[in-house]
Amino acid sequence: MYFDFAALPKYLPYFLPAAWMTLKVSALGIVLGVALGLGTAFMRISKRRLLSIPARAYIYVVRGTPLLLQLLFIYFGLRSLAGLTALTSAVLALGIHNGAYIAEIFRGAIVSISSGQMEAARSLGMPYSRAMVRIILPQALKRAVPSLGNQFIIALKDSSLASTITINELLLKSQQLASSNFMMMEMLFLAAIFYLLYTAVFSWLFRALEARLDVSTQ
C-alpha cells in the first residue's frame, strides 16, 4: 500500500476547523462533567437516602451503558422533544458520561481524607459545609488530579464519537476528505496527529499540576 507523505501538508489546513471543534466539544463536555461529577459526589456520600440513591442510580446507568448509546439516545430522543442541536446533544452526552466517572473520582478522593479532620473541624464549631469546602475538598482535589487527568484524556478521545451525529470534528473530517481523495490512511494519519498533540498537551499540563501540588517536593 502506497502512503503519500507529500500530500499531508496540502490537506493539513482542512483539519484546523475540525481540530477546533474537537477541542470545543471536549472542553465543554469536561466542564459539564466536572460540575455534574462534583455535585453527584456530594450526593453520593450523603447520609440522606433521598440524595444518595439518585446519585447511585445515575452512576450505575451511565457507567453501565456505552457512550455511543447515550449519545444517540440524547440526539434522537431529546432532540425532538427539546429541540437540541447536534452540538448541544454531543456536549450534553459527553458531560453526563464524564460526570458519572468524575463523581467516583471525587468520591474516592473525599473519603480518602481522614475522618478525624472533619471531626476536629466540627469540634471547633465549624459547620459541615464550611469544613468540607475549606478543609476536606482542597485536599481531595489534590489527590484527584492524576485520575482527573486520565479522565480528561479519555474524554478528549471519546469526542470522536460525536462524528456519528454529524459533528464535523477530526474523525468525520478525515472520512469526508478520504471519500473525495481516496486517501483514507493519510487522512486518518492527520487526524491521529491532532489527537496525539492534544493528548501530549493535556498530559504535560497535568504532570505540571501534579508537581505543583506535590507537597513533598516543596
Protein backbone atom coordinates (compact mmCIF):
# COMPACT_ATOMS: atom_id res chain seq x y z
CA MET A 1 0.00 0.00 0.00
CA TYR A 2 1.37 3.39 -1.04
CA PHE A 3 1.35 6.14 1.59
CA ASP A 4 1.67 9.63 0.16
CA PHE A 5 3.52 11.68 2.77
CA ALA A 6 3.80 14.59 0.32
CA ALA A 7 0.01 15.08 0.45
CA LEU A 8 -0.10 15.66 4.20
CA PRO A 9 0.91 19.36 4.21
CA LYS A 10 -1.64 20.04 1.46
CA TYR A 11 -4.59 18.70 3.48
CA LEU A 12 -3.45 19.82 6.91
CA PRO A 13 -5.26 23.21 6.77
CA TYR A 14 -8.57 21.44 6.11
CA PHE A 15 -8.30 19.84 9.54
CA LEU A 16 -7.90 23.05 11.52
CA PRO A 17 -11.64 23.88 11.88
CA ALA A 18 -12.31 20.24 12.79
CA ALA A 19 -9.48 20.34 15.34
CA TRP A 20 -11.07 23.40 16.94
CA MET A 21 -14.46 21.65 17.01
CA THR A 22 -12.89 18.61 18.69
CA LEU A 23 -11.31 20.82 21.34
CA LYS A 24 -14.55 22.76 21.82
CA VAL A 25 -16.73 19.67 22.28
CA SER A 26 -14.17 18.09 24.60
CA ALA A 27 -13.72 21.21 26.75
CA LEU A 28 -17.45 21.83 27.13
CA GLY A 29 -18.08 18.17 27.92
CA ILE A 30 -15.33 18.18 30.53
CA VAL A 31 -16.59 21.37 32.19
CA LEU A 32 -20.11 19.97 32.37
CA GLY A 33 -18.74 16.64 33.58
CA VAL A 34 -16.77 18.26 36.40
CA ALA A 35 -19.83 20.21 37.56
CA LEU A 36 -22.05 17.13 37.46
CA GLY A 37 -19.36 14.94 38.97
CA LEU A 38 -18.68 17.18 41.94
CA GLY A 39 -22.37 17.62 42.70
CA THR A 40 -23.04 13.90 42.31
CA ALA A 41 -20.08 13.04 44.55
CA PHE A 42 -21.54 15.11 47.38
CA MET A 43 -24.90 13.43 46.86
CA ARG A 44 -23.22 10.03 46.74
CA ILE A 45 -21.53 10.44 50.15
CA SER A 46 -24.61 11.98 51.74
CA LYS A 47 -26.29 10.01 54.52
CA ARG A 48 -29.66 11.12 53.17
CA ARG A 49 -31.07 8.36 51.00
CA LEU A 50 -33.09 10.93 49.05
CA LEU A 51 -29.78 12.23 47.71
CA SER A 52 -27.57 9.15 47.67
CA ILE A 53 -29.97 6.80 45.86
CA PRO A 54 -30.47 9.01 42.75
CA ALA A 55 -26.69 9.57 42.63
CA ARG A 56 -26.03 5.84 42.78
CA ALA A 57 -28.62 5.22 40.06
CA TYR A 58 -27.14 7.87 37.78
CA ILE A 59 -23.63 6.46 38.15
CA TYR A 60 -24.82 2.89 37.65
CA VAL A 61 -26.81 3.64 34.49
CA VAL A 62 -24.16 5.83 32.84
CA ARG A 63 -21.23 3.56 33.66
CA GLY A 64 -23.22 0.50 32.64
CA THR A 65 -24.13 1.67 29.13
CA PRO A 66 -21.89 2.67 26.18
CA LEU A 67 -21.25 6.34 25.48
CA LEU A 68 -22.34 5.84 21.87
CA LEU A 69 -25.73 4.58 23.03
CA GLN A 70 -26.11 7.57 25.36
CA LEU A 71 -25.12 9.93 22.57
CA LEU A 72 -27.64 8.50 20.13
CA PHE A 73 -30.34 8.39 22.81
CA ILE A 74 -29.92 12.08 23.58
CA TYR A 75 -29.59 13.10 19.94
CA PHE A 76 -32.59 11.20 18.59
CA GLY A 77 -34.68 11.21 21.77
CA LEU A 78 -34.27 14.60 23.40
CA ARG A 79 -33.61 16.43 20.16
CA SER A 80 -37.20 16.04 19.03
CA LEU A 81 -38.56 16.93 22.47
CA ALA A 82 -36.30 19.82 23.44
CA GLY A 83 -35.06 20.96 20.04
CA LEU A 84 -31.40 20.33 20.83
CA THR A 85 -28.77 20.96 18.19
CA ALA A 86 -26.23 18.29 17.32
CA LEU A 87 -23.51 20.22 19.17
CA THR A 88 -25.65 20.60 22.29
CA SER A 89 -26.52 16.91 22.17
CA ALA A 90 -22.85 15.94 21.91
CA VAL A 91 -21.79 18.20 24.78
CA LEU A 92 -24.67 17.00 26.95
CA ALA A 93 -23.90 13.34 26.29
CA LEU A 94 -20.18 13.77 26.93
CA GLY A 95 -20.86 15.83 30.06
CA ILE A 96 -23.28 13.29 31.51
CA HIS A 97 -20.96 10.42 30.68
CA ASN A 98 -17.89 12.11 32.14
CA GLY A 99 -19.86 13.24 35.17
CA ALA A 100 -20.51 9.69 36.33
CA TYR A 101 -16.82 8.77 36.22
CA ILE A 102 -15.66 12.07 37.69
CA ALA A 103 -18.17 11.65 40.52
CA GLU A 104 -16.50 8.41 41.54
CA ILE A 105 -13.08 10.05 41.29
CA PHE A 106 -14.16 12.87 43.60
CA ARG A 107 -15.96 10.49 45.96
CA GLY A 108 -12.90 8.29 46.31
CA ALA A 109 -10.69 11.31 46.94
CA ILE A 110 -13.05 12.75 49.54
CA VAL A 111 -13.47 9.54 51.54
CA SER A 112 -9.68 9.01 51.47
CA ILE A 113 -9.24 12.04 53.72
CA SER A 114 -9.02 11.07 57.37
CA SER A 115 -12.37 11.42 59.13
CA GLY A 116 -10.50 12.90 62.09
CA GLN A 117 -10.04 16.14 60.19
CA MET A 118 -13.77 16.62 59.80
CA GLU A 119 -14.33 15.69 63.44
CA ALA A 120 -11.69 18.20 64.53
CA ALA A 121 -13.27 20.95 62.45
CA ARG A 122 -16.74 20.20 63.80
CA SER A 123 -15.43 20.15 67.38
CA LEU A 124 -14.18 23.70 66.82
CA GLY A 125 -17.68 24.79 65.84
CA MET A 126 -17.17 24.83 62.09
CA PRO A 127 -20.32 23.89 60.11
CA TYR A 128 -20.13 20.74 57.99
CA SER A 129 -20.40 22.62 54.72
CA ARG A 130 -17.61 25.06 55.61
CA ALA A 131 -15.36 22.26 56.87
CA MET A 132 -15.94 20.36 53.64
CA VAL A 133 -15.13 23.37 51.43
CA ARG A 134 -12.18 24.74 53.39
CA ILE A 135 -10.53 21.60 54.78
CA ILE A 136 -11.61 18.38 53.07
CA LEU A 137 -12.23 19.45 49.48
CA PRO A 138 -8.85 21.16 48.83
CA GLN A 139 -7.02 18.01 49.92
CA ALA A 140 -9.38 15.77 47.97
CA LEU A 141 -8.94 17.82 44.78
CA LYS A 142 -5.17 17.48 45.04
CA ARG A 143 -5.46 13.70 45.36
CA ALA A 144 -7.91 13.55 42.46
CA VAL A 145 -5.66 15.33 39.96
CA PRO A 146 -3.95 12.22 38.47
CA SER A 147 -7.26 10.42 37.94
CA LEU A 148 -8.90 13.55 36.58
CA GLY A 149 -6.07 13.94 34.10
CA ASN A 150 -6.64 10.43 32.81
CA GLN A 151 -10.38 11.01 32.57
CA PHE A 152 -9.92 14.25 30.64
CA ILE A 153 -7.71 12.49 28.10
CA ILE A 154 -10.33 9.75 27.75
CA ALA A 155 -12.99 12.44 27.25
CA LEU A 156 -10.89 14.03 24.52
CA LYS A 157 -10.69 10.75 22.61
CA ASP A 158 -14.37 9.98 23.28
CA SER A 159 -15.29 13.20 21.47
CA SER A 160 -14.61 11.34 18.22
CA LEU A 161 -17.97 9.61 18.70
CA ALA A 162 -19.64 12.96 18.02
CA SER A 163 -18.95 12.24 14.36
CA THR A 164 -21.90 9.82 14.43
CA ILE A 165 -24.31 12.73 14.86
CA THR A 166 -22.76 14.90 12.14
CA ILE A 167 -20.43 16.96 14.35
CA ASN A 168 -17.63 17.96 11.98
CA GLU A 169 -14.75 17.02 14.27
CA LEU A 170 -11.46 15.37 13.34
CA LEU A 171 -12.69 11.87 12.62
CA LEU A 172 -15.61 12.96 10.47
CA LYS A 173 -13.41 15.43 8.58
CA SER A 174 -10.89 12.68 7.79
CA GLN A 175 -13.67 10.46 6.47
CA GLN A 176 -15.15 13.27 4.38
CA LEU A 177 -11.81 14.11 2.79
CA ALA A 178 -10.98 10.45 2.20
CA SER A 179 -14.25 9.94 0.37
CA SER A 180 -13.20 12.56 -2.19
CA ASN A 181 -9.46 11.97 -2.49
CA PHE A 182 -9.37 8.21 -1.76
CA MET A 183 -6.52 8.71 0.71
CA MET A 184 -8.04 7.13 3.78
CA MET A 185 -4.81 6.24 5.58
CA GLU A 186 -3.30 9.68 5.02
CA MET A 187 -6.41 11.45 6.33
CA LEU A 188 -6.65 9.19 9.36
CA PHE A 189 -2.96 9.81 9.98
CA LEU A 190 -3.54 13.58 10.07
CA ALA A 191 -6.45 13.14 12.49
CA ALA A 192 -4.26 10.95 14.69
CA ILE A 193 -1.56 13.65 14.75
CA PHE A 194 -4.02 16.16 16.22
CA TYR A 195 -5.26 13.69 18.83
CA LEU A 196 -1.69 12.87 19.84
CA LEU A 197 -0.87 16.57 20.06
CA TYR A 198 -3.87 17.28 22.28
CA THR A 199 -3.08 14.27 24.46
CA ALA A 200 0.55 15.37 24.83
CA VAL A 201 -0.51 18.88 25.90
CA PHE A 202 -3.09 17.54 28.38
CA SER A 203 -0.55 15.10 29.84
CA TRP A 204 2.08 17.82 30.21
CA LEU A 205 -0.35 20.20 31.91
CA PHE A 206 -1.47 17.61 34.43
CA ARG A 207 2.08 16.46 35.15
CA ALA A 208 2.98 20.08 35.84
CA LEU A 209 -0.07 20.44 38.07
CA GLU A 210 0.77 17.25 39.95
CA ALA A 211 4.31 18.50 40.53
CA ARG A 212 2.97 21.87 41.68
CA LEU A 213 0.58 20.27 44.17
CA ASP A 214 3.00 17.66 45.47
CA VAL A 215 3.79 18.99 48.96
CA SER A 216 6.65 16.53 49.36
CA THR A 217 8.64 18.48 46.75
CA GLN A 218 8.05 21.92 48.25
